[in-house]
């Protein structure tokens, strides 16, 4: 049985994995083009007076809240607030829907009650198989609401439901989530640049 990694060895291994995944993403022109198309759709959503709804589970729920905060407050420059909402934060809504309709419906039912044709949905799922994200993407299809998903590997079932699927490399969930944060920050920065150009 091999000896356990030391703290330094584990840190170096995680850094190597993160760098390798980022380099793989950096070399993937097709994925970058899909991301650019998705960013363009978010920009159009805001130009049309829409709102971005964001959802995920666990660490991805925290990422949804993180990104919503940066749209509403700011990321890289002072500018007017942009409407964004994480569907993961209202415990009364989450527990009511979970209790009455099941946890699979906690995001889709919120979209049904809140979203309009001008809005857009971003789902974050490392597996591409989170049932509540899949239900939300299906709800978007039903409402003709543009949708984007950040996922990994093949994209799972989410790839077949989302209008834009950005499936990043990375063997570990932690590495995938690091890339999702890079995508989220880049998305927000690009939207800021498009809607609030520097003078």
Protein backbone atom coordinates (compact mmCIF):
# COMPACT_ATOMS: atom_id res chain seq x y z
CA UNK A 1 0.00 0.00 0.00
CA UNK A 2 1.53 3.35 -1.03
CA UNK A 3 2.32 5.92 1.62
CA UNK A 4 -0.23 8.74 1.91
CA UNK A 5 0.66 11.99 0.23
CA UNK A 6 2.13 14.72 2.37
CA UNK A 7 0.33 18.04 2.51
CA UNK A 8 2.82 19.57 0.08
CA UNK A 9 2.54 16.62 -2.31
CA UNK A 10 -1.25 16.78 -2.27
CA UNK A 11 -1.22 20.53 -2.91
CA UNK A 12 1.19 20.08 -5.82
CA UNK A 13 -0.94 17.26 -7.26
CA UNK A 14 -4.07 19.40 -7.06
CA UNK A 15 -2.29 22.35 -8.63
CA UNK A 16 -1.00 20.12 -11.44
CA UNK A 17 -4.52 18.77 -12.07
CA UNK A 18 -5.99 22.28 -12.10
CA UNK A 19 -3.33 23.60 -14.47
CA UNK A 20 -3.71 20.62 -16.81
CA UNK A 21 -7.49 21.06 -16.99
CA UNK A 22 -7.14 24.80 -17.64
CA UNK A 23 -4.58 24.13 -20.38
CA UNK A 24 -6.96 21.62 -21.95
CA UNK A 25 -9.74 24.22 -21.88
CA UNK A 26 -7.36 26.83 -23.29
CA UNK A 27 -6.63 24.55 -26.27
CA UNK A 28 -10.29 23.70 -27.00
CA UNK A 29 -11.34 26.21 -29.67
CA UNK A 30 -14.75 24.58 -30.18
CA UNK A 31 -15.63 24.88 -26.49
CA UNK A 32 -14.48 28.50 -26.47
CA UNK A 33 -16.74 29.21 -29.46
CA UNK A 34 -19.70 27.63 -27.65
CA UNK A 35 -18.93 29.77 -24.62
CA UNK A 36 -18.78 32.91 -26.75
CA UNK A 37 -22.21 32.09 -28.21
CA UNK A 38 -23.61 31.59 -24.70
CA UNK A 39 -22.16 34.90 -23.52
CA UNK A 40 -23.78 36.59 -26.51
CA UNK A 41 -27.15 35.15 -25.48
CA UNK A 42 -26.75 36.47 -21.91
CA UNK A 43 -25.82 39.91 -23.26
CA UNK A 44 -28.94 39.86 -25.46
CA UNK A 45 -31.06 38.80 -22.48
CA UNK A 46 -29.94 41.88 -20.59
CA UNK A 47 -30.35 44.16 -23.61
CA UNK A 48 -33.94 42.91 -23.86
CA UNK A 49 -34.57 43.85 -20.22
CA UNK A 50 -34.37 40.28 -18.91
CA UNK A 51 -33.02 38.64 -15.78
CA UNK A 52 -30.58 35.75 -15.31
CA UNK A 53 -31.72 32.92 -13.03
CA UNK A 54 -28.98 30.62 -11.73
CA UNK A 55 -29.13 27.30 -9.88
CA UNK A 56 -26.98 24.40 -8.71
CA UNK A 57 -26.60 21.96 -5.83
CA UNK A 58 -24.01 21.89 -3.05
CA UNK A 59 -20.88 23.73 -4.11
CA UNK A 60 -22.63 24.66 -7.35
CA UNK A 61 -25.40 26.31 -5.30
CA UNK A 62 -22.73 28.48 -3.69
CA UNK A 63 -21.36 29.25 -7.16
CA UNK A 64 -24.86 30.27 -8.31
CA UNK A 65 -25.11 32.72 -5.40
CA UNK A 66 -21.56 33.96 -6.02
CA UNK A 67 -22.31 34.74 -9.67
CA UNK A 68 -25.69 36.35 -8.95
CA UNK A 69 -23.99 38.66 -6.44
CA UNK A 70 -21.44 39.78 -9.01
CA UNK A 71 -24.11 40.61 -11.58
CA UNK A 72 -26.20 42.57 -9.08
CA UNK A 73 -23.22 44.31 -7.44
CA UNK A 74 -20.20 44.35 -9.78
CA UNK A 75 -17.18 42.34 -10.83
CA UNK A 76 -14.55 44.39 -12.65
CA UNK A 77 -15.98 47.90 -12.94
CA UNK A 78 -18.43 50.32 -11.38
CA UNK A 79 -21.71 50.18 -13.32
CA UNK A 80 -25.46 49.90 -12.90
CA UNK A 81 -26.73 46.68 -11.29
CA UNK A 82 -27.82 43.80 -13.52
CA UNK A 83 -30.79 41.65 -12.41
CA UNK A 84 -29.76 38.13 -11.45
CA UNK A 85 -31.15 35.68 -8.93
CA UNK A 86 -29.89 32.42 -7.47
CA UNK A 87 -32.80 29.99 -7.11
CA UNK A 88 -31.02 28.37 -4.16
CA UNK A 89 -31.47 30.94 -1.41
CA UNK A 90 -35.11 31.14 -0.26
CA UNK A 91 -35.51 28.38 2.31
CA UNK A 92 -39.28 28.81 2.54
CA UNK A 93 -39.70 28.34 -1.22
CA UNK A 94 -37.20 25.47 -1.37
CA UNK A 95 -38.77 23.59 1.52
CA UNK A 96 -42.35 24.24 0.39
CA UNK A 97 -41.69 22.95 -3.13
CA UNK A 98 -39.54 20.10 -1.83
CA UNK A 99 -42.25 19.06 0.61
CA UNK A 100 -45.22 19.48 -1.72
CA UNK A 101 -43.78 18.47 -5.09
CA UNK A 102 -40.38 16.86 -4.46
CA UNK A 103 -36.81 18.14 -4.50
CA UNK A 104 -36.56 17.53 -8.25
CA UNK A 105 -38.96 20.46 -8.79
CA UNK A 106 -37.30 23.09 -6.57
CA UNK A 107 -35.86 25.04 -9.51
CA UNK A 108 -38.33 24.31 -12.30
CA UNK A 109 -41.31 25.47 -10.28
CA UNK A 110 -39.55 28.72 -9.42
CA UNK A 111 -38.87 29.32 -13.11
CA UNK A 112 -42.51 28.60 -13.91
CA UNK A 113 -43.59 31.18 -11.35
CA UNK A 114 -40.97 33.88 -11.91
CA UNK A 115 -39.41 33.77 -15.37
CA UNK A 116 -40.59 35.61 -18.46
CA UNK A 117 -39.72 35.18 -22.13
CA UNK A 118 -37.05 37.89 -21.78
CA UNK A 119 -35.13 35.96 -19.10
CA UNK A 120 -32.45 33.25 -19.21
CA UNK A 121 -31.45 30.31 -17.00
CA UNK A 122 -27.97 29.09 -16.07
CA UNK A 123 -27.75 25.65 -14.48
CA UNK A 124 -24.54 24.38 -12.88
CA UNK A 125 -24.10 20.61 -12.55
CA UNK A 126 -20.74 18.85 -12.51
CA UNK A 127 -22.33 15.52 -13.49
CA UNK A 128 -24.85 16.81 -16.02
CA UNK A 129 -27.40 14.54 -14.32
CA UNK A 130 -28.73 16.57 -11.37
CA UNK A 131 -32.46 15.88 -11.59
CA UNK A 132 -33.56 19.30 -10.41
CA UNK A 133 -31.31 21.00 -12.98
CA UNK A 134 -32.64 18.68 -15.71
CA UNK A 135 -36.20 19.54 -14.68
CA UNK A 136 -35.33 23.25 -14.81
CA UNK A 137 -33.85 22.86 -18.30
CA UNK A 138 -36.99 20.99 -19.39
CA UNK A 139 -39.08 23.85 -17.97
CA UNK A 140 -37.03 26.29 -20.03
CA UNK A 141 -37.81 24.26 -23.15
CA UNK A 142 -41.50 24.37 -22.31
CA UNK A 143 -41.41 28.14 -21.76
CA UNK A 144 -39.03 28.78 -24.68
CA UNK A 145 -36.63 30.31 -22.21
CA UNK A 146 -32.96 30.36 -23.32
CA UNK A 147 -30.79 28.09 -21.19
CA UNK A 148 -27.12 27.56 -20.47
CA UNK A 149 -25.48 24.80 -18.45
CA UNK A 150 -21.98 24.56 -16.99
CA UNK A 151 -21.10 20.88 -16.64
CA UNK A 152 -18.23 18.48 -17.36
CA UNK A 153 -17.03 15.54 -19.45
CA UNK A 154 -19.75 14.51 -21.95
CA UNK A 155 -22.30 16.91 -20.48
CA UNK A 156 -24.66 14.08 -19.53
CA UNK A 157 -28.38 14.48 -20.08
CA UNK A 158 -28.05 18.23 -19.54
CA UNK A 159 -26.35 18.53 -22.94
CA UNK A 160 -29.53 17.31 -24.65
CA UNK A 161 -31.76 19.86 -22.87
CA UNK A 162 -29.73 23.09 -22.72
CA UNK A 163 -29.46 25.57 -25.57
CA UNK A 164 -25.81 26.13 -24.63
CA UNK A 165 -23.74 23.41 -22.93
CA UNK A 166 -20.24 24.20 -21.69
CA UNK A 167 -18.71 20.89 -20.58
CA UNK A 168 -15.26 21.43 -19.07
CA UNK A 169 -12.44 18.92 -18.56
CA UNK A 170 -11.24 17.71 -15.17
CA UNK A 171 -11.22 14.32 -13.45
CA UNK A 172 -12.16 15.57 -9.98
CA UNK A 173 -15.29 17.50 -9.03
CA UNK A 174 -13.10 20.11 -7.34
CA UNK A 175 -11.18 20.73 -10.58
CA UNK A 176 -14.41 21.01 -12.57
CA UNK A 177 -15.79 23.53 -10.06
CA UNK A 178 -12.62 25.62 -10.35
CA UNK A 179 -13.16 25.85 -14.11
CA UNK A 180 -16.83 26.70 -13.60
CA UNK A 181 -15.75 29.70 -11.51
CA UNK A 182 -13.37 30.80 -14.30
CA UNK A 183 -16.28 30.57 -16.75
CA UNK A 184 -18.62 32.44 -14.40
CA UNK A 185 -16.18 35.27 -13.81
CA UNK A 186 -15.43 35.52 -17.54
CA UNK A 187 -19.15 35.53 -18.35
CA UNK A 188 -19.80 38.40 -15.93
CA UNK A 189 -16.75 40.35 -17.11
CA UNK A 190 -17.77 39.98 -20.77
CA UNK A 191 -21.32 41.11 -20.02
CA UNK A 192 -20.00 44.14 -18.15
CA UNK A 193 -17.71 45.02 -21.05
CA UNK A 194 -20.51 44.67 -23.60
CA UNK A 195 -23.14 46.63 -21.69
CA UNK A 196 -20.94 49.19 -19.93
CA UNK A 197 -18.03 49.98 -22.29
CA UNK A 198 -15.15 51.98 -20.86
CA UNK A 199 -15.13 55.66 -21.82
